[in-house]
PDB file of N, CA and C in Angstrom:
ATOM      1  N   ARG A   1      57.420 109.038 -13.295  1.00  0.00           N
ATOM      2  CA  ARG A   1      58.919 108.885 -13.494  1.00  0.00           C
ATOM      3  C   ARG A   1      59.392 109.749 -14.387  1.00  0.00           C
ATOM      4  N   PHE A   2      60.352 109.871 -14.732  1.00  0.00           N
ATOM      5  CA  PHE A   2      60.862 109.962 -15.732  1.00  0.00           C
ATOM      6  C   PHE A   2      61.972 109.415 -15.449  1.00  0.00           C
ATOM      7  N   SER A   3      62.004 108.208 -16.554  1.00  0.00           N
ATOM      8  CA  SER A   3      63.028 107.310 -16.800  1.00  0.00           C
ATOM      9  C   SER A   3      65.143 108.009 -17.570  1.00  0.00           C
ATOM     10  N   GLY A   4      64.992 106.980 -17.394  1.00  0.00           N
ATOM     11  CA  GLY A   4      66.793 108.200 -17.296  1.00  0.00           C
ATOM     12  C   GLY A   4      67.840 108.387 -18.515  1.00  0.00           C
ATOM     13  N   THR A   5      66.785 107.786 -19.532  1.00  0.00           N
ATOM     14  CA  THR A   5      67.170 108.205 -20.648  1.00  0.00           C
ATOM     15  C   THR A   5      66.082 109.720 -21.473  1.00  0.00           C
ATOM     16  N   PHE A   6      67.301 110.257 -21.820  1.00  0.00           N
ATOM     17  CA  PHE A   6      67.356 111.869 -22.512  1.00  0.00           C
ATOM     18  C   PHE A   6      67.487 112.025 -23.326  1.00  0.00           C
ATOM     19  N   VAL A   7      66.595 112.223 -24.299  1.00  0.00           N
ATOM     20  CA  VAL A   7      66.592 112.641 -26.444  1.00  0.00           C
ATOM     21  C   VAL A   7      66.998 113.338 -26.302  1.00  0.00           C
ATOM     22  N   GLY A   8      67.850 114.545 -26.964  1.00  0.00           N
ATOM     23  CA  GLY A   8      67.827 115.224 -26.752  1.00  0.00           C
ATOM     24  C   GLY A   8      68.365 116.145 -28.465  1.00  0.00           C
ATOM     25  N   ASN A   9      69.519 117.443 -29.276  1.00  0.00           N
ATOM     26  CA  ASN A   9      69.688 117.124 -30.286  1.00  0.00           C
ATOM     27  C   ASN A   9      70.202 117.368 -29.997  1.00  0.00           C
ATOM     28  N   ALA A  10      70.345 115.574 -31.041  1.00  0.00           N
ATOM     29  CA  ALA A  10      71.881 115.850 -31.263  1.00  0.00           C
ATOM     30  C   ALA A  10      73.272 117.077 -31.822  1.00  0.00           C
ATOM     31  N   GLU A  11      73.175 118.089 -32.398  1.00  0.00           N
ATOM     32  CA  GLU A  11      73.317 118.778 -32.978  1.00  0.00           C
ATOM     33  C   GLU A  11      73.400 119.784 -32.375  1.00  0.00           C
ATOM     34  N   SER A  12      74.985 119.786 -32.487  1.00  0.00           N
ATOM     35  CA  SER A  12      75.497 120.788 -31.334  1.00  0.00           C
ATOM     36  C   SER A  12      75.731 122.668 -31.734  1.00  0.00           C
ATOM     37  N   THR A  13      75.603 122.934 -30.232  1.00  0.00           N
ATOM     38  CA  THR A  13      74.834 124.768 -30.899  1.00  0.00           C
ATOM     39  C   THR A  13      75.809 125.091 -30.570  1.00  0.00           C
ATOM     40  N   SER A  14      76.853 124.821 -31.010  1.00  0.00           N
ATOM     41  CA  SER A  14      78.068 126.367 -30.949  1.00  0.00           C
ATOM     42  C   SER A  14      78.078 126.683 -31.986  1.00  0.00           C
ATOM     43  N   PRO A  15      78.633 127.712 -32.983  1.00  0.00           N
ATOM     44  CA  PRO A  15      79.611 127.666 -34.184  1.00  0.00           C
ATOM     45  C   PRO A  15      79.669 127.465 -34.848  1.00  0.00           C
ATOM     46  N   PRO A  16      80.094 127.130 -35.913  1.00  0.00           N
ATOM     47  CA  PRO A  16      81.328 126.178 -36.449  1.00  0.00           C
ATOM     48  C   PRO A  16      82.320 127.374 -36.609  1.00  0.00           C
ATOM     49  N   ALA A  17      83.476 126.908 -36.687  1.00  0.00           N
ATOM     50  CA  ALA A  17      84.957 126.872 -37.112  1.00  0.00           C
ATOM     51  C   ALA A  17      84.479 128.308 -38.264  1.00  0.00           C
ATOM     52  N   ALA A  18      83.972 128.820 -38.972  1.00  0.00           N
ATOM     53  CA  ALA A  18      83.861 129.673 -40.286  1.00  0.00           C
ATOM     54  C   ALA A  18      83.213 131.228 -39.458  1.00  0.00           C
ATOM     55  N   ALA A  19      82.351 130.322 -39.176  1.00  0.00           N
ATOM     56  CA  ALA A  19      81.498 131.183 -38.568  1.00  0.00           C
ATOM     57  C   ALA A  19      81.939 132.168 -37.256  1.00  0.00           C
ATOM     58  N   THR A  20      83.635 131.800 -36.525  1.00  0.00           N
ATOM     59  CA  THR A  20      83.785 133.012 -35.879  1.00  0.00           C
ATOM     60  C   THR A  20      84.021 134.287 -36.485  1.00  0.00           C
ATOM     61  N   SER A  21      84.446 135.022 -35.395  1.00  0.00           N
ATOM     62  CA  SER A  21      84.418 136.371 -35.790  1.00  0.00           C
ATOM     63  C   SER A  21      85.469 137.117 -36.774  1.00  0.00           C
ATOM     64  N   PRO A  22      85.603 138.431 -37.133  1.00  0.00           N
ATOM     65  CA  PRO A  22      85.913 137.946 -38.491  1.00  0.00           C
ATOM     66  C   PRO A  22      87.802 138.680 -38.024  1.00  0.00           C
ATOM     67  N   PRO A  23      88.696 138.717 -38.207  1.00  0.00           N
ATOM     68  CA  PRO A  23      89.598 139.794 -37.798  1.00  0.00           C
ATOM     69  C   PRO A  23      88.740 141.336 -37.796  1.00  0.00           C
ATOM     70  N   ALA A  24      90.402 141.664 -37.284  1.00  0.00           N
ATOM     71  CA  ALA A  24      90.138 143.447 -36.041  1.00  0.00           C
ATOM     72  C   ALA A  24      90.050 144.388 -37.963  1.00  0.00           C
ATOM     73  N   VAL A  25      90.847 143.504 -39.069  1.00  0.00           N
ATOM     74  CA  VAL A  25      90.863 144.690 -39.910  1.00  0.00           C
ATOM     75  C   VAL A  25      90.581 144.784 -40.500  1.00  0.00           C
ATOM     76  N   ALA A  26      89.179 144.054 -41.462  1.00  0.00           N
ATOM     77  CA  ALA A  26      87.674 143.256 -41.790  1.00  0.00           C
ATOM     78  C   ALA A  26      87.414 144.077 -41.277  1.00  0.00           C
ATOM     79  N   ALA A  27      86.497 144.331 -39.510  1.00  0.00           N
ATOM     80  CA  ALA A  27      85.349 144.597 -38.908  1.00  0.00           C
ATOM     81  C   ALA A  27      85.497 146.008 -39.476  1.00  0.00           C
ATOM     82  N   ALA A  28      87.022 147.060 -39.387  1.00  0.00           N
ATOM     83  CA  ALA A  28      86.590 148.295 -39.488  1.00  0.00           C
ATOM     84  C   ALA A  28      86.633 148.659 -40.950  1.00  0.00           C
ATOM     85  N   THR A  29      86.255 147.430 -42.193  1.00  0.00           N
ATOM     86  CA  THR A  29      86.272 148.261 -43.241  1.00  0.00           C
ATOM     87  C   THR A  29      84.098 147.542 -43.869  1.00  0.00           C
ATOM     88  N   VAL A  30      83.800 146.911 -43.161  1.00  0.00           N
ATOM     89  CA  VAL A  30      82.652 146.596 -43.501  1.00  0.00           C
ATOM     90  C   VAL A  30      81.630 148.192 -43.289  1.00  0.00           C
ATOM     91  N   PRO A  31      81.062 148.195 -43.781  1.00  0.00           N
ATOM     92  CA  PRO A  31      79.894 148.986 -43.629  1.00  0.00           C
ATOM     93  C   PRO A  31      79.152 149.447 -42.218  1.00  0.00           C
ATOM     94  N   ALA A  32      78.184 150.267 -41.967  1.00  0.00           N
ATOM     95  CA  ALA A  32      77.429 150.061 -40.848  1.00  0.00           C
ATOM     96  C   ALA A  32      76.052 149.366 -40.831  1.00  0.00           C
ATOM     97  N   VAL A  33      75.566 148.736 -40.319  1.00  0.00           N
ATOM     98  CA  VAL A  33      74.113 148.366 -41.479  1.00  0.00           C
ATOM     99  C   VAL A  33      73.585 149.027 -40.653  1.00  0.00           C
ATOM    100  N   PRO A  34      72.282 149.597 -41.444  1.00  0.00           N
ATOM    101  CA  PRO A  34      71.260 150.164 -41.984  1.00  0.00           C
ATOM    102  C   PRO A  34      70.074 150.125 -39.755  1.00  0.00           C
ATOM    103  N   THR A  35      69.615 150.650 -39.343  1.00  0.00           N
ATOM    104  CA  THR A  35      68.684 150.691 -38.481  1.00  0.00           C
ATOM    105  C   THR A  35      67.618 150.545 -39.093  1.00  0.00           C
ATOM    106  N   ILE A  36      66.578 150.037 -38.457  1.00  0.00           N
ATOM    107  CA  ILE A  36      65.243 149.957 -38.874  1.00  0.00           C
ATOM    108  C   ILE A  36      64.020 150.908 -37.388  1.00  0.00           C
ATOM    109  N   PRO A  37      63.457 152.108 -37.641  1.00  0.00           N
ATOM    110  CA  PRO A  37      63.482 152.675 -36.380  1.00  0.00           C
ATOM    111  C   PRO A  37      62.100 151.620 -36.151  1.00  0.00           C
ATOM    112  N   VAL A  38      61.653 150.984 -34.150  1.00  0.00           N
ATOM    113  CA  VAL A  38      61.173 150.629 -34.150  1.00  0.00           C
ATOM    114  C   VAL A  38      59.307 151.988 -33.329  1.00  0.00           C
ATOM    115  N   VAL A  39      58.209 151.004 -34.147  1.00  0.00           N
ATOM    116  CA  VAL A  39      56.991 152.407 -33.348  1.00  0.00           C
ATOM    117  C   VAL A  39      56.932 151.089 -32.525  1.00  0.00           C
ATOM    118  N   PRO A  40      56.292 151.908 -31.105  1.00  0.00           N
ATOM    119  CA  PRO A  40      55.269 150.531 -30.425  1.00  0.00           C
ATOM    120  C   PRO A  40      54.068 150.763 -30.744  1.00  0.00           C
ATOM    121  N   THR A  41      53.962 149.313 -30.909  1.00  0.00           N
ATOM    122  CA  THR A  41      51.907 148.908 -31.044  1.00  0.00           C
ATOM    123  C   THR A  41      51.420 148.374 -29.913  1.00  0.00           C
ATOM    124  N   ILE A  42      49.869 148.319 -29.597  1.00  0.00           N
ATOM    125  CA  ILE A  42      49.878 147.019 -29.102  1.00  0.00           C
ATOM    126  C   ILE A  42      49.850 145.691 -29.488  1.00  0.00           C
ATOM    127  N   VAL A  43      50.226 145.094 -29.576  1.00  0.00           N
ATOM    128  CA  VAL A  43      49.732 143.514 -30.083  1.00  0.00           C
ATOM    129  C   VAL A  43      48.425 143.031 -30.123  1.00  0.00           C
ATOM    130  N   GLY A  44      48.254 142.162 -31.797  1.00  0.00           N
ATOM    131  CA  GLY A  44      46.953 142.322 -31.991  1.00  0.00           C
ATOM    132  C   GLY A  44      45.366 143.268 -31.510  1.00  0.00           C
ATOM    133  N   VAL A  45      46.044 145.280 -31.988  1.00  0.00           N
ATOM    134  CA  VAL A  45      45.495 146.064 -32.727  1.00  0.00           C
ATOM    135  C   VAL A  45      45.999 147.303 -33.426  1.00  0.00           C
ATOM    136  N   PRO A  46      45.899 147.242 -35.088  1.00  0.00           N
ATOM    137  CA  PRO A  46      45.790 147.713 -36.154  1.00  0.00           C
ATOM    138  C   PRO A  46      46.483 148.894 -35.197  1.00  0.00           C
ATOM    139  N   ASN A  47      47.353 149.999 -35.737  1.00  0.00           N
ATOM    140  CA  ASN A  47      47.922 151.253 -35.485  1.00  0.00           C
ATOM    141  C   ASN A  47      47.219 152.139 -35.260  1.00  0.00           C
ATOM    142  N   THR A  48      45.984 152.164 -36.113  1.00  0.00           N
ATOM    143  CA  THR A  48      45.079 153.627 -35.757  1.00  0.00           C
ATOM    144  C   THR A  48      44.284 153.273 -34.558  1.00  0.00           C
ATOM    145  N   VAL A  49      43.694 152.394 -34.127  1.00  0.00           N
ATOM    146  CA  VAL A  49      43.322 151.881 -32.992  1.00  0.00           C
ATOM    147  C   VAL A  49      43.780 151.977 -31.581  1.00  0.00           C
ATOM    148  N   ALA A  50      45.178 152.005 -31.738  1.00  0.00           N
ATOM    149  CA  ALA A  50      46.461 152.002 -30.961  1.00  0.00           C
ATOM    150  C   ALA A  50      45.790 153.523 -30.351  1.00  0.00           C
ATOM    151  N   GLU A  51      46.729 154.160 -31.428  1.00  0.00           N
ATOM    152  CA  GLU A  51      47.044 155.761 -31.451  1.00  0.00           C
ATOM    153  C   GLU A  51      45.942 156.533 -30.749  1.00  0.00           C
ATOM    154  N   SER A  52      44.622 156.018 -31.100  1.00  0.00           N
ATOM    155  CA  SER A  52      43.616 157.157 -29.944  1.00  0.00           C
ATOM    156  C   SER A  52      43.225 156.054 -29.082  1.00  0.00           C
ATOM    157  N   VAL A  53      42.943 157.048 -28.187  1.00  0.00           N
ATOM    158  CA  VAL A  53      43.437 156.379 -26.777  1.00  0.00           C
ATOM    159  C   VAL A  53      41.634 157.118 -26.316  1.00  0.00           C
ATOM    160  N   LEU A  54      40.557 155.809 -25.894  1.00  0.00           N
ATOM    161  CA  LEU A  54      39.534 155.832 -25.712  1.00  0.00           C
ATOM    162  C   LEU A  54      38.917 157.227 -24.064  1.00  0.00           C
ATOM    163  N   ASN A  55      38.179 157.870 -25.184  1.00  0.00           N
ATOM    164  CA  ASN A  55      38.141 158.891 -23.956  1.00  0.00           C
ATOM    165  C   ASN A  55      35.909 158.375 -23.580  1.00  0.00           C
ATOM    166  N   PRO A  56      35.915 158.645 -22.605  1.00  0.00           N
ATOM    167  CA  PRO A  56      35.036 157.563 -22.056  1.00  0.00           C
ATOM    168  C   PRO A  56      33.521 159.054 -22.046  1.00  0.00           C
ATOM    169  N   ASN A  57      34.413 160.482 -22.290  1.00  0.00           N
ATOM    170  CA  ASN A  57      33.662 161.003 -22.580  1.00  0.00           C
ATOM    171  C   ASN A  57      32.990 161.432 -23.758  1.00  0.00           C
ATOM    172  N   GLU A  58      33.714 161.468 -24.379  1.00  0.00           N
ATOM    173  CA  GLU A  58      33.377 161.598 -26.118  1.00  0.00           C
ATOM    174  C   GLU A  58      32.010 160.595 -26.534  1.00  0.00           C
ATOM    175  N   VAL A  59      32.048 159.222 -25.846  1.00  0.00           N
ATOM    176  CA  VAL A  59      31.381 158.405 -25.873  1.00  0.00           C
ATOM    177  C   VAL A  59      30.024 157.991 -26.161  1.00  0.00           C
ATOM    178  N   LYS A  60      28.692 157.297 -26.890  1.00  0.00           N
ATOM    179  CA  LYS A  60      27.480 158.111 -26.679  1.00  0.00           C
ATOM    180  C   LYS A  60      26.953 156.826 -26.163  1.00  0.00           C
ATOM    181  N   PRO A  61      26.505 156.623 -25.263  1.00  0.00           N
ATOM    182  CA  PRO A  61      25.596 154.893 -24.388  1.00  0.00           C
ATOM    183  C   PRO A  61      24.207 154.369 -25.784  1.00  0.00           C
ATOM    184  N   PRO A  62      24.769 152.892 -25.931  1.00  0.00           N
ATOM    185  CA  PRO A  62      23.779 153.117 -26.946  1.00  0.00           C
ATOM    186  C   PRO A  62      22.611 153.185 -26.490  1.00  0.00           C
ATOM    187  N   ALA A  63      21.820 152.917 -27.857  1.00  0.00           N
ATOM    188  CA  ALA A  63      20.186 153.416 -27.329  1.00  0.00           C
ATOM    189  C   ALA A  63      19.869 151.953 -26.442  1.00  0.00           C
ATOM    190  N   SER A  64      19.889 150.220 -26.834  1.00  0.00           N
ATOM    191  CA  SER A  64      19.941 149.356 -25.935  1.00  0.00           C
ATOM    192  C   SER A  64      21.018 148.789 -25.026  1.00  0.00           C
ATOM    193  N   GLY A  65      20.735 148.310 -24.419  1.00  0.00           N
ATOM    194  CA  GLY A  65      21.948 147.720 -22.930  1.00  0.00           C
ATOM    195  C   GLY A  65      22.570 147.970 -22.064  1.00  0.00           C
ATOM    196  N   THR A  66      22.005 149.432 -21.645  1.00  0.00           N
ATOM    197  CA  THR A  66      22.887 149.949 -20.300  1.00  0.00           C
ATOM    198  C   THR A  66      22.074 148.859 -19.201  1.00  0.00           C
ATOM    199  N   ARG A  67      22.698 148.825 -18.555  1.00  0.00           N
ATOM    200  CA  ARG A  67      22.010 148.436 -16.931  1.00  0.00           C
ATOM    201  C   ARG A  67      22.123 149.174 -15.880  1.00  0.00           C
ATOM    202  N   LYS A  68      21.410 148.760 -14.951  1.00  0.00           N
ATOM    203  CA  LYS A  68      21.488 149.627 -13.355  1.00  0.00           C
ATOM    204  C   LYS A  68      23.071 148.598 -12.734  1.00  0.00           C
ATOM    205  N   ALA A  69      24.183 149.600 -12.100  1.00  0.00           N
ATOM    206  CA  ALA A  69      24.543 147.926 -11.428  1.00  0.00           C
ATOM    207  C   ALA A  69      24.756 149.100 -10.095  1.00  0.00           C
ATOM    208  N   ARG A  70      25.501 148.235  -9.058  1.00  0.00           N
ATOM    209  CA  ARG A  70      26.037 148.087  -7.904  1.00  0.00           C
ATOM    210  C   ARG A  70      27.235 147.772  -7.623  1.00  0.00           C
ATOM    211  N   VAL A  71      27.418 149.386  -6.622  1.00  0.00           N
ATOM    212  CA  VAL A  71      29.134 149.279  -6.688  1.00  0.00           C
ATOM    213  C   VAL A  71      29.621 148.404  -5.568  1.00  0.00           C
ATOM    214  N   LEU A  72      30.101 147.333  -5.358  1.00  0.00           N
ATOM    215  CA  LEU A  72      30.464 146.956  -4.298  1.00  0.00           C
ATOM    216  C   LEU A  72      31.527 147.272  -3.533  1.00  0.00           C
ATOM    217  N   TYR A  73      32.611 147.796  -4.744  1.00  0.00           N
ATOM    218  CA  TYR A  73      34.331 148.025  -3.227  1.00  0.00           C
ATOM    219  C   TYR A  73      34.019 149.255  -4.126  1.00  0.00           C
ATOM    220  N   ASP A  74      34.478 150.944  -2.480  1.00  0.00           N
ATOM    221  CA  ASP A  74      35.195 152.017  -3.530  1.00  0.00           C
ATOM    222  C   ASP A  74      36.051 151.843  -4.223  1.00  0.00           C
ATOM    223  N   TYR A  75      35.974 152.624  -5.081  1.00  0.00           N
ATOM    224  CA  TYR A  75      37.723 151.896  -6.414  1.00  0.00           C
ATOM    225  C   TYR A  75      38.317 153.909  -7.214  1.00  0.00           C
ATOM    226  N   GLU A  76      39.543 153.950  -6.884  1.00  0.00           N
ATOM    227  CA  GLU A  76      39.531 154.629  -7.246  1.00  0.00           C
ATOM    228  C   GLU A  76      40.782 154.928  -8.787  1.00  0.00           C
ATOM    229  N   ALA A  77      40.292 155.779  -9.305  1.00  0.00           N
ATOM    230  CA  ALA A  77      40.112 155.855 -10.400  1.00  0.00           C
ATOM    231  C   ALA A  77      42.176 156.006 -10.973  1.00  0.00           C
ATOM    232  N   ALA A  78      42.042 155.325 -11.784  1.00  0.00           N
ATOM    233  CA  ALA A  78      43.188 155.861 -11.928  1.00  0.00           C
ATOM    234  C   ALA A  78      44.016 156.384 -13.648  1.00  0.00           C
ATOM    235  N   ASP A  79      43.164 157.097 -14.360  1.00  0.00           N
ATOM    236  CA  ASP A  79      43.421 158.656 -15.075  1.00  0.00           C
ATOM    237  C   ASP A  79      42.434 159.210 -15.213  1.00  0.00           C
ATOM    238  N   SER A  80      41.992 160.045 -16.304  1.00  0.00           N
ATOM    239  CA  SER A  80      41.011 160.208 -16.527  1.00  0.00           C
ATOM    240  C   SER A  80      40.035 159.580 -17.405  1.00  0.00           C
ATOM    241  N   THR A  81      40.852 158.385 -17.543  1.00  0.00           N
ATOM    242  CA  THR A  81      39.265 157.455 -18.401  1.00  0.00           C
ATOM    243  C   THR A  81      38.434 157.093 -17.567  1.00  0.00           C
ATOM    244  N   GLU A  82      38.491 156.887 -16.669  1.00  0.00           N
ATOM    245  CA  GLU A  82      38.165 155.305 -15.712  1.00  0.00           C
ATOM    246  C   GLU A  82      37.108 156.681 -14.564  1.00  0.00           C
ATOM    247  N   LEU A  83      36.285 155.986 -14.148  1.00  0.00           N
ATOM    248  CA  LEU A  83      35.307 156.273 -12.975  1.00  0.00           C
ATOM    249  C   LEU A  83      35.604 156.374 -11.998  1.00  0.00           C
ATOM    250  N   ALA A  84      35.920 157.264 -10.528  1.00  0.00           N
ATOM    251  CA  ALA A  84      36.274 156.023  -9.698  1.00  0.00           C
ATOM    252  C   ALA A  84      35.021 155.798  -9.219  1.00  0.00           C
ATOM    253  N   LEU A  85      34.528 155.007  -8.311  1.00  0.00           N
ATOM    254  CA  LEU A  85      33.518 154.562  -7.299  1.00  0.00           C
ATOM    255  C   LEU A  85      33.468 154.478  -5.992  1.00  0.00           C
ATOM    256  N   LEU A  86      31.802 154.930  -5.753  1.00  0.00           N
ATOM    257  CA  LEU A  86      31.961 154.696  -3.703  1.00  0.00           C
ATOM    258  C   LEU A  86      30.815 153.149  -3.966  1.00  0.00           C
ATOM    259  N   ALA A  87      31.359 152.258  -2.457  1.00  0.00           N
ATOM    260  CA  ALA A  87      30.951 150.751  -2.016  1.00  0.00           C
ATOM    261  C   ALA A  87      29.424 151.441  -2.066  1.00  0.00           C
ATOM    262  N   ASP A  88      28.004 150.985  -2.638  1.00  0.00           N
ATOM    263  CA  ASP A  88      26.858 151.138  -2.887  1.00  0.00           C
ATOM    264  C   ASP A  88      26.421 152.349  -3.149  1.00  0.00           C
ATOM    265  N   GLU A  89      26.993 152.127  -4.237  1.00  0.00           N
ATOM    266  CA  GLU A  89      26.060 153.372  -5.055  1.00  0.00           C
ATOM    267  C   GLU A  89      26.161 152.312  -6.315  1.00  0.00           C
ATOM    268  N   MET A  90      25.160 152.778  -6.933  1.00  0.00           N
ATOM    269  CA  MET A  90      23.870 152.862  -7.800  1.00  0.00           C
ATOM    270  C   MET A  90      25.133 153.642  -9.508  1.00  0.00           C
ATOM    271  N   ILE A  91      24.965 152.712 -10.016  1.00  0.00           N
ATOM    272  CA  ILE A  91      25.027 153.697 -11.834  1.00  0.00           C
ATOM    273  C   ILE A  91      24.803 153.030 -12.635  1.00  0.00           C
ATOM    274  N   THR A  92      24.951 153.586 -13.728  1.00  0.00           N
ATOM    275  CA  THR A  92      23.997 153.075 -15.369  1.00  0.00           C
ATOM    276  C   THR A  92      25.528 152.555 -15.933  1.00  0.00           C
ATOM    277  N   VAL A  93      25.430 151.154 -16.986  1.00  0.00           N
ATOM    278  CA  VAL A  93      27.008 150.572 -16.849  1.00  0.00           C
ATOM    279  C   VAL A  93      26.434 150.226 -18.871  1.00  0.00           C
ATOM    280  N   TYR A  94      27.120 150.042 -20.058  1.00  0.00           N
ATOM    281  CA  TYR A  94      26.884 150.194 -21.223  1.00  0.00           C
ATOM    282  C   TYR A  94      29.178 149.370 -21.128  1.00  0.00           C
ATOM    283  N   SER A  95      28.744 148.891 -22.513  1.00  0.00           N
ATOM    284  CA  SER A  95      29.775 147.979 -22.671  1.00  0.00           C
ATOM    285  C   SER A  95      29.671 148.550 -24.904  1.00  0.00           C
ATOM    286  N   LEU A  96      31.102 148.555 -24.851  1.00  0.00           N
ATOM    287  CA  LEU A  96      31.642 149.148 -26.821  1.00  0.00           C
ATOM    288  C   LEU A  96      32.017 148.560 -27.051  1.00  0.00           C
ATOM    289  N   PRO A  97      31.817 148.180 -28.535  1.00  0.00           N
ATOM    290  CA  PRO A  97      32.020 146.661 -28.864  1.00  0.00           C
ATOM    291  C   PRO A  97      33.995 146.925 -28.961  1.00  0.00           C
ATOM    292  N   GLY A  98      35.016 145.846 -29.197  1.00  0.00           N
ATOM    293  CA  GLY A  98      36.259 146.265 -29.075  1.00  0.00           C
ATOM    294  C   GLY A  98      36.773 146.657 -28.064  1.00  0.00           C
ATOM    295  N   MET A  99      36.252 147.417 -26.579  1.00  0.00           N
ATOM    296  CA  MET A  99      36.583 147.082 -25.670  1.00  0.00           C
ATOM    297  C   MET A  99      35.863 145.706 -24.719  1.00  0.00           C
ATOM    298  N   ASP A 100      37.359 146.026 -23.600  1.00  0.00           N
ATOM    299  CA  ASP A 100      38.137 144.884 -23.219  1.00  0.00           C
ATOM    300  C   ASP A 100      36.863 144.177 -22.244  1.00  0.00           C
ATOM    301  N   PRO A 101      36.864 142.571 -21.802  1.00  0.00           N
ATOM    302  CA  PRO A 101      35.588 142.437 -21.406  1.00  0.00           C
ATOM    303  C   PRO A 101      35.470 142.572 -20.113  1.00  0.00           C
ATOM    304  N   ASP A 102      36.822 142.748 -19.487  1.00  0.00           N
ATOM    305  CA  ASP A 102      36.966 143.189 -18.276  1.00  0.00           C
ATOM    306  C   ASP A 102      37.152 144.175 -17.465  1.00  0.00           C
ATOM    307  N   TRP A 103      36.104 145.299 -19.023  1.00  0.00           N
ATOM    308  CA  TRP A 103      35.804 146.357 -18.544  1.00  0.00           C
ATOM    309  C   TRP A 103      34.143 147.530 -18.425  1.00  0.00           C
ATOM    310  N   LEU A 104      33.900 148.219 -17.691  1.00  0.00           N
ATOM    311  CA  LEU A 104      32.732 148.582 -18.362  1.00  0.00           C
ATOM    312  C   LEU A 104      32.466 150.013 -18.697  1.00  0.00           C
ATOM    313  N   ILE A 105      31.980 150.954 -19.672  1.00  0.00           N
ATOM    314  CA  ILE A 105      31.975 152.370 -19.201  1.00  0.00           C
ATOM    315  C   ILE A 105      30.658 152.788 -17.829  1.00  0.00           C
ATOM    316  N   GLY A 106      30.886 153.292 -17.101  1.00  0.00           N
ATOM    317  CA  GLY A 106      29.953 153.810 -16.108  1.00  0.00           C
ATOM    318  C   GLY A 106      30.078 154.681 -16.425  1.00  0.00           C
ATOM    319  N   GLU A 107      28.178 155.060 -16.124  1.00  0.00           N
ATOM    320  CA  GLU A 107      27.756 157.076 -15.904  1.00  0.00           C
ATOM    321  C   GLU A 107      27.289 157.314 -14.755  1.00  0.00           C
ATOM    322  N   ARG A 108      27.819 158.572 -13.833  1.00  0.00           N
ATOM    323  CA  ARG A 108      26.852 158.517 -12.421  1.00  0.00           C
ATOM    324  C   ARG A 108      26.616 159.799 -12.884  1.00  0.00           C
ATOM    325  N   GLY A 109      25.252 160.394 -13.553  1.00  0.00           N
ATOM    326  CA  GLY A 109      24.894 161.678 -13.855  1.00  0.00           C
ATOM    327  C   GLY A 109      26.018 162.256 -14.976  1.00  0.00           C
ATOM    328  N   ASN A 110      26.928 162.998 -14.949  1.00  0.00           N
ATOM    329  CA  ASN A 110      27.357 164.020 -15.974  1.00  0.00           C
ATOM    330  C   ASN A 110      28.772 163.264 -16.574  1.00  0.00           C
ATOM    331  N   GLN A 111      29.186 163.019 -14.690  1.00  0.00           N
ATOM    332  CA  GLN A 111      30.360 161.959 -14.959  1.00  0.00           C
ATOM    333  C   GLN A 111      29.918 160.169 -15.225  1.00  0.00           C
ATOM    334  N   LYS A 112      31.597 160.128 -16.837  1.00  0.00           N
ATOM    335  CA  LYS A 112      31.235 158.806 -17.225  1.00  0.00           C
ATOM    336  C   LYS A 112      32.921 158.590 -16.907  1.00  0.00           C
ATOM    337  N   GLY A 113      33.212 157.546 -17.454  1.00  0.00           N
ATOM    338  CA  GLY A 113      34.660 156.139 -17.412  1.00  0.00           C
ATOM    339  C   GLY A 113      33.870 154.870 -17.682  1.00  0.00           C
ATOM    340  N   LYS A 114      35.794 154.532 -17.019  1.00  0.00           N
ATOM    341  CA  LYS A 114      35.676 152.840 -17.924  1.00  0.00           C
ATOM    342  C   LYS A 114      36.120 152.433 -15.964  1.00  0.00           C
ATOM    343  N   VAL A 115      35.186 151.581 -15.338  1.00  0.00           N
ATOM    344  CA  VAL A 115      35.304 150.669 -14.579  1.00  0.00           C
ATOM    345  C   VAL A 115      34.828 149.604 -14.685  1.00  0.00           C
ATOM    346  N   PRO A 116      35.730 148.738 -13.305  1.00  0.00           N
ATOM    347  CA  PRO A 116      35.689 147.004 -13.917  1.00  0.00           C
ATOM    348  C   PRO A 116      34.828 146.548 -13.283  1.00  0.00           C
ATOM    349  N   VAL A 117      35.030 145.533 -14.050  1.00  0.00           N
ATOM    350  CA  VAL A 117      33.308 145.151 -14.006  1.00  0.00           C
ATOM    351  C   VAL A 117      33.577 144.488 -12.456  1.00  0.00           C
ATOM    352  N   THR A 118      34.980 143.914 -12.145  1.00  0.00           N
ATOM    353  CA  THR A 118      34.351 142.745 -10.197  1.00  0.00           C
ATOM    354  C   THR A 118      34.445 143.805  -9.844  1.00  0.00           C
ATOM    355  N   TYR A 119      34.183 145.022  -9.721  1.00  0.00           N
ATOM    356  CA  TYR A 119      33.631 145.732  -8.431  1.00  0.00           C
ATOM    357  C   TYR A 119      32.036 145.804  -8.565  1.00  0.00           C
ATOM    358  N   LEU A 120      31.635 145.674  -9.855  1.00  0.00           N
ATOM    359  CA  LEU A 120      30.240 145.303  -9.733  1.00  0.00           C
ATOM    360  C   LEU A 120      29.619 144.739  -9.424  1.00  0.00           C
ATOM    361  N   GLU A 121      27.776 145.045  -8.830  1.00  0.00           N
ATOM    362  CA  GLU A 121      26.541 143.901  -9.061  1.00  0.00           C
ATOM    363  C   GLU A 121      26.077 144.314 -10.405  1.00  0.00           C
ATOM    364  N   LEU A 122      25.652 143.088 -11.352  1.00  0.00           N
ATOM    365  CA  LEU A 122      25.500 143.875 -12.557  1.00  0.00           C
ATOM    366  C   LEU A 122      23.634 143.469 -11.921  1.00  0.00           C
ATOM    367  N   LEU A 123      22.928 144.667 -12.059  1.00  0.00           N
ATOM    368  CA  LEU A 123      21.142 144.449 -11.765  1.00  0.00           C
ATOM    369  C   LEU A 123      20.368 144.385 -12.747  1.00  0.00           C
ATOM    370  N   SER A 124      20.492 144.831 -14.127  1.00  0.00           N
ATOM    371  CA  SER A 124      19.278 145.108 -15.133  1.00  0.00           C
ATOM    372  C   SER A 124      19.344 144.355 -15.981  1.00  0.00           C
TER     373      SER A 124
END
């Protein structure tokens, strides 16, 4: 249970009277404030990495660290970087440095793309 006493900020959050908006005449003579262009980025990722999109077809599998996986559910690829999956098929998977841990690179024959880990049963 919470007690009936509330401890809060005793200071007023409203601006002081002197900080109210200036008269209309003064506002007309104030120069425009320059704006800074905003460049969208992915939080925590340097711009050089955010600008380059992972293309699984250009990625070489590691010399070691590939595993076989059985697909548990059908998966429809959302874009060309992903690999569509059919339930019960076998694919080869591996991860890449800096890649989201919820995804792996999957290979089926000459097809390659990102696949969600939750749709796979890793075998070897």
